[in-house]
Structure formats: structure tokens, C-alpha cells
Amino acid sequence: MVTGGAKRVGREICLRFAAHGANVAFNYRSSGKEAQETLRELQSAGVRSMAIQADLSDADSCRKLVKCLLSDFGHVDILVNNASEFPRTPLAELAGDPERFEREFNYHAYLHMRAPLYLGMELGLRMKQKGWGRIVNITDRVTVKGQAYRDWVLYLVTKYGLYGITQVLAEELSPEVTVNSVAPGLILPPPYFTPQEVEQILKRIPLRQGASAAEIASDVVHLVLSDSKTGSVVLTDGGTGLHAL
């Protein structure tokens, strides 16, 4: 099960699992066209697959997602919490608009924290009972080094929360289930980034390049195949963890 699997990094993770012969389910919120395209590619790979429309910021949708998965697949061996949003939320703007702060904080917290914790709890306990399972959470490079960058307050705060959830679930679900995270740096810049902004970011990366979605998918598979890692993190950031940006 891959959350946010219709496009970008999530899509690449889905296709990589299919290449290894795994059956794949993924959810999407509003990317219906992309979801159908990804589903067709998974079916072409010869694996069992399904796309489920579910808004992970909504508790009822999360419960329905689990019910749908279990009724169709019977059980889930691997969970990848990939779904994410990356809008700018400058501190001063949030402070000046309490209603926006409340609304957007709740959305980010539900998407990046509540949904992964709920799915990790519901599916992870079933994995534990079955005797084997893997959970991989996609966080952010700053969570590894205790850093931050400006203007993405709510995204970063809740990604730190997801990093904490990773550690808690790693303890709670051991030894049958491993829980790890991948912490990417720049991968695919959001469409609202200007070429100048992307160029400036690349100049501050020691390797002068971002990671590819394919590399993040490889990191996820690496953690799934590992028998001796839990509560661990793979940092794939082009070297930005060497210094604060």
C-alpha cells in the first residue's frame, strides 16, 4: 500500500514494487487521471493492483481506505506513507491569520501525522500478528539533522512529527515489523518554483543535483528488503545534511 501513489515519487514507488512482483494498492485524493494511468502501468506489469480514492486528511476516509484494502487484498504486508503537500506557509502570514493557521495546521497534521499513525497502527498491528511486515515513511532531510528552512513552517513541523511516529511505531511493532524512513532533499521541485529558485537551491547542494524519484523508490525497496533496520533513516539529499542551508 502506497499513499499518494498516483504521480511523482509515489508513482515511481508503486512501479518499482510491481517490478519486484509485488501486488500494489495506492490511494489518490484528486489526481484521478494520473491514478488511472498509473493503474494501467501496474496492470501491464502483471501484478494485482488497485487505486482507491481517499482524502487522508479526513478520518472517515482513512477508515474506509483500510476497510477497502482488507476486503479486497485480505492483508497488507508493506505500507509506504508517501502522501504529502508542500505549500509555503510563512510564519508571519500564519500569525496574522488565525483562521488560516487553524485550517492549514489541521490539514498538514492530519495528512503528515494522523493518517500515517492511523494506517501504521491499523495495518502494522495486523502485520505484527501475521508475523512479518514493513512500514516506510517519507519524511524530509531536515528531520535527520535537526535543521529547518524558512517559509515552510507547517510542512516541516508535521514532517518532524512523522519522523517521531516512525520511531514510536518501530518500538511498538518490533520485532515482527520494521519501521523506517527515507529523508529526501530536493527531488521534483513544485511547479510554483521559478527556474531561478531551483538554480539557487542547486547551488547550495554539494553534489549540485537533486535526487531522482527512481532513487527514492530504490531507497524504499532497500528498507523493505532489510532484516536488520528499524527506526533507521536513509538520507538522500545530495549532501545538504553536511551543513545548514
Protein backbone atom coordinates (compact mmCIF):
# COMPACT_ATOMS: atom_id res chain seq x y z
CA MET A 1 0.00 0.00 0.00
CA VAL A 2 1.47 3.32 -1.13
CA THR A 3 -0.26 6.54 -0.12
CA GLY A 4 -0.26 9.29 -2.73
CA GLY A 5 0.76 6.77 -5.39
CA ALA A 6 -0.82 8.31 -8.48
CA LYS A 7 2.04 10.57 -9.53
CA ARG A 8 5.54 11.87 -8.86
CA VAL A 9 7.51 9.91 -6.26
CA GLY A 10 4.56 7.79 -5.17
CA ARG A 11 4.01 6.56 -8.71
CA GLU A 12 7.67 5.59 -9.02
CA ILE A 13 7.48 3.64 -5.75
CA CYS A 14 4.40 1.77 -6.98
CA LEU A 15 6.05 0.85 -10.27
CA ARG A 16 9.23 -0.25 -8.52
CA PHE A 17 7.29 -2.63 -6.26
CA ALA A 18 5.47 -4.01 -9.30
CA ALA A 19 8.83 -4.61 -10.99
CA HIS A 20 9.72 -6.78 -7.99
CA GLY A 21 6.49 -8.75 -8.44
CA ALA A 22 4.54 -7.22 -5.56
CA ASN A 23 0.82 -6.59 -5.76
CA VAL A 24 0.20 -2.86 -5.32
CA ALA A 25 -2.62 -0.73 -3.95
CA PHE A 26 -2.40 3.04 -3.77
CA ASN A 27 -4.63 5.94 -2.88
CA TYR A 28 -5.12 9.30 -4.51
CA ARG A 29 -7.11 12.35 -3.49
CA SER A 30 -7.90 14.36 -6.63
CA SER A 31 -5.46 13.05 -9.28
CA GLY A 32 -7.96 10.72 -10.93
CA LYS A 33 -6.47 10.87 -14.42
CA GLU A 34 -2.94 10.19 -13.16
CA ALA A 35 -4.27 7.39 -10.95
CA GLN A 36 -5.80 5.60 -13.91
CA GLU A 37 -2.58 5.94 -15.90
CA THR A 38 -0.54 4.51 -13.02
CA LEU A 39 -3.07 1.71 -12.57
CA ARG A 40 -2.78 0.75 -16.24
CA GLU A 41 1.02 0.59 -15.94
CA LEU A 42 0.77 -1.62 -12.86
CA GLN A 43 -1.66 -3.93 -14.63
CA SER A 44 0.71 -4.09 -17.60
CA ALA A 45 3.40 -5.29 -15.21
CA GLY A 46 1.23 -8.31 -14.48
CA VAL A 47 0.57 -7.66 -10.79
CA ARG A 48 -2.68 -7.30 -8.94
CA SER A 49 -3.36 -3.62 -8.38
CA MET A 50 -6.00 -1.18 -7.23
CA ALA A 51 -6.42 2.58 -6.95
CA ILE A 52 -8.54 3.95 -4.11
CA GLN A 53 -9.83 7.50 -3.93
CA ALA A 54 -9.35 8.67 -0.34
CA ASP A 55 -8.62 12.04 1.27
CA LEU A 56 -6.11 11.18 4.00
CA SER A 57 -6.82 14.44 5.82
CA ASP A 58 -10.26 13.04 6.63
CA ALA A 59 -10.55 10.42 9.39
CA ASP A 60 -13.56 8.68 7.83
CA SER A 61 -11.72 8.33 4.53
CA CYS A 62 -8.77 6.71 6.31
CA ARG A 63 -11.07 4.18 7.93
CA LYS A 64 -12.78 3.43 4.62
CA LEU A 65 -9.37 3.02 2.97
CA VAL A 66 -8.34 0.35 5.47
CA LYS A 67 -11.68 -1.42 5.12
CA CYS A 68 -11.38 -1.40 1.32
CA LEU A 69 -7.82 -2.73 1.43
CA LEU A 70 -8.60 -5.55 3.78
CA SER A 71 -11.79 -6.59 2.00
CA ASP A 72 -10.05 -6.71 -1.39
CA PHE A 73 -6.49 -7.82 -0.55
CA GLY A 74 -7.11 -9.65 2.71
CA HIS A 75 -3.95 -8.32 4.28
CA VAL A 76 -1.20 -5.76 3.66
CA ASP A 77 2.48 -6.67 4.13
CA ILE A 78 4.07 -3.33 3.22
CA LEU A 79 2.92 0.23 3.90
CA VAL A 80 4.61 3.30 2.43
CA ASN A 81 3.36 6.63 3.82
CA ASN A 82 4.31 8.90 0.95
CA ALA A 83 1.34 11.29 0.57
CA SER A 84 2.43 14.87 1.20
CA GLU A 85 1.75 18.54 0.50
CA PHE A 86 4.41 21.23 0.25
CA PRO A 87 2.82 24.70 0.22
CA ARG A 88 4.58 27.78 1.52
CA THR A 89 3.33 28.78 4.98
CA PRO A 90 5.45 31.73 6.21
CA LEU A 91 5.36 32.25 9.97
CA ALA A 92 4.33 35.93 9.79
CA GLU A 93 1.41 35.14 7.48
CA LEU A 94 0.14 32.41 9.79
CA ALA A 95 0.43 34.69 12.80
CA GLY A 96 -1.63 37.34 11.04
CA ASP A 97 -4.45 34.99 10.06
CA PRO A 98 -5.61 32.74 12.93
CA GLU A 99 -8.29 31.06 10.83
CA ARG A 100 -5.78 30.14 8.15
CA PHE A 101 -3.39 28.86 10.79
CA GLU A 102 -6.05 26.62 12.31
CA ARG A 103 -7.26 25.33 8.96
CA GLU A 104 -3.85 24.64 7.43
CA PHE A 105 -2.28 23.29 10.61
CA ASN A 106 -5.07 20.75 10.92
CA TYR A 107 -4.73 19.75 7.27
CA HIS A 108 -0.96 19.22 7.47
CA ALA A 109 -1.17 17.45 10.82
CA TYR A 110 -3.89 15.10 9.60
CA LEU A 111 -2.09 14.34 6.32
CA HIS A 112 1.50 14.03 7.57
CA MET A 113 0.85 12.68 11.08
CA ARG A 114 -2.62 11.37 11.87
CA ALA A 115 -3.05 9.36 8.66
CA PRO A 116 0.41 7.68 8.81
CA LEU A 117 -0.07 6.91 12.51
CA TYR A 118 -3.56 5.53 11.95
CA LEU A 119 -2.52 3.42 8.95
CA GLY A 120 0.64 2.30 10.73
CA MET A 121 -1.41 1.30 13.76
CA GLU A 122 -4.25 -0.46 11.93
CA LEU A 123 -2.14 -2.22 9.30
CA GLY A 124 1.01 -2.55 11.42
CA LEU A 125 -0.73 -4.46 14.22
CA ARG A 126 -2.15 -6.86 11.62
CA MET A 127 1.34 -7.30 10.17
CA LYS A 128 2.68 -7.99 13.64
CA GLN A 129 0.01 -10.60 14.29
CA LYS A 130 0.78 -12.23 10.95
CA GLY A 131 4.49 -12.31 11.83
CA TRP A 132 6.05 -10.00 9.20
CA GLY A 133 5.67 -6.50 7.87
CA ARG A 134 7.40 -3.37 6.65
CA ILE A 135 6.49 0.30 7.04
CA VAL A 136 8.43 3.10 5.34
CA ASN A 137 7.63 6.77 5.92
CA ILE A 138 8.82 9.56 3.62
CA THR A 139 9.97 12.48 5.79
CA ASP A 140 12.41 15.29 4.87
CA ARG A 141 16.16 15.75 5.07
CA VAL A 142 15.92 18.30 7.89
CA THR A 143 14.47 15.69 10.26
CA VAL A 144 17.80 13.86 10.24
CA LYS A 145 19.95 16.82 11.20
CA GLY A 146 17.58 18.83 13.38
CA GLN A 147 17.56 21.67 10.86
CA ALA A 148 14.91 23.84 9.23
CA TYR A 149 14.43 26.24 6.35
CA ARG A 150 12.27 29.33 6.15
CA ASP A 151 8.69 29.74 4.98
CA TRP A 152 7.51 26.10 5.13
CA VAL A 153 6.51 26.09 8.80
CA LEU A 154 3.59 23.68 8.78
CA TYR A 155 5.15 21.22 6.35
CA LEU A 156 8.34 20.98 8.43
CA VAL A 157 6.64 20.83 11.82
CA THR A 158 4.44 17.95 10.73
CA LYS A 159 7.26 16.13 8.93
CA TYR A 160 9.16 16.22 12.22
CA GLY A 161 6.03 14.68 13.71
CA LEU A 162 6.15 11.91 11.11
CA TYR A 163 9.77 11.24 11.99
CA GLY A 164 8.69 10.83 15.62
CA ILE A 165 5.87 8.49 14.58
CA THR A 166 8.46 6.38 12.79
CA GLN A 167 10.45 5.93 16.00
CA VAL A 168 7.37 5.16 18.11
CA LEU A 169 5.99 2.57 15.69
CA ALA A 170 9.43 0.99 15.30
CA GLU A 171 9.41 0.26 19.03
CA GLU A 172 5.75 -0.72 19.29
CA LEU A 173 5.69 -3.09 16.33
CA SER A 174 9.05 -4.83 16.81
CA PRO A 175 10.30 -7.45 16.33
CA GLU A 176 7.91 -8.66 13.62
CA VAL A 177 7.56 -5.34 11.79
CA THR A 178 10.31 -2.91 10.84
CA VAL A 179 9.51 0.81 10.57
CA ASN A 180 11.97 3.12 8.84
CA SER A 181 12.04 6.37 6.90
CA VAL A 182 13.54 7.91 3.80
CA ALA A 183 14.53 11.57 4.17
CA PRO A 184 14.87 13.20 0.73
CA GLY A 185 16.23 16.58 -0.13
CA LEU A 186 15.23 18.20 -3.42
CA ILE A 187 13.54 15.71 -5.75
CA LEU A 188 10.95 17.17 -8.10
CA PRO A 189 10.55 20.91 -7.49
CA PRO A 190 6.94 22.06 -7.02
CA PRO A 191 5.50 23.66 -10.16
CA TYR A 192 5.34 27.06 -8.44
CA PHE A 193 9.15 27.18 -8.04
CA THR A 194 10.73 29.52 -10.58
CA PRO A 195 13.80 28.36 -12.55
CA GLN A 196 15.80 30.94 -10.60
CA GLU A 197 14.69 29.47 -7.27
CA VAL A 198 15.60 25.96 -8.39
CA GLU A 199 19.01 27.18 -9.58
CA GLN A 200 19.72 28.82 -6.23
CA ILE A 201 18.78 25.65 -4.36
CA LEU A 202 21.02 23.51 -6.57
CA LYS A 203 23.95 25.84 -5.94
CA ARG A 204 23.65 25.12 -2.21
CA ILE A 205 23.65 21.34 -2.69
CA PRO A 206 27.21 19.90 -2.53
CA LEU A 207 26.51 17.44 -5.37
CA ARG A 208 24.76 20.21 -7.37
CA GLN A 209 21.79 17.98 -8.13
CA GLY A 210 18.59 16.74 -6.59
CA ALA A 211 17.65 13.12 -6.11
CA SER A 212 15.51 11.36 -8.69
CA ALA A 213 12.17 9.78 -7.89
CA ALA A 214 13.70 6.49 -9.03
CA GLU A 215 16.41 6.75 -6.37
CA ILE A 216 13.86 7.38 -3.63
CA ALA A 217 11.94 4.32 -4.82
CA SER A 218 15.16 2.32 -4.60
CA ASP A 219 15.70 3.58 -1.05
CA VAL A 220 12.22 2.40 -0.10
CA VAL A 221 12.79 -1.06 -1.56
CA HIS A 222 16.16 -1.25 0.20
CA LEU A 223 14.47 -0.68 3.57
CA VAL A 224 11.74 -3.20 2.77
CA LEU A 225 14.33 -5.85 1.93
CA SER A 226 16.43 -5.17 5.03
CA ASP A 227 16.06 -7.51 8.01
CA SER A 228 18.21 -5.53 10.46
CA LYS A 229 17.00 -1.95 10.26
CA THR A 230 14.19 -0.40 12.26
CA GLY A 231 13.87 3.17 13.44
CA SER A 232 16.51 3.95 10.82
CA VAL A 233 16.59 6.58 8.12
CA VAL A 234 18.07 6.78 4.64
CA LEU A 235 19.20 10.35 3.92
CA THR A 236 19.17 11.13 0.20
CA ASP A 237 19.87 14.83 -0.09
CA GLY A 238 22.88 15.40 -2.33
CA GLY A 239 24.97 16.28 0.72
CA THR A 240 22.93 19.16 2.14
CA GLY A 241 22.98 17.43 5.50
CA LEU A 242 26.65 18.39 5.70
CA HIS A 243 25.69 21.94 6.58
CA ALA A 244 22.70 24.12 7.40
CA LEU A 245 21.16 25.90 4.42
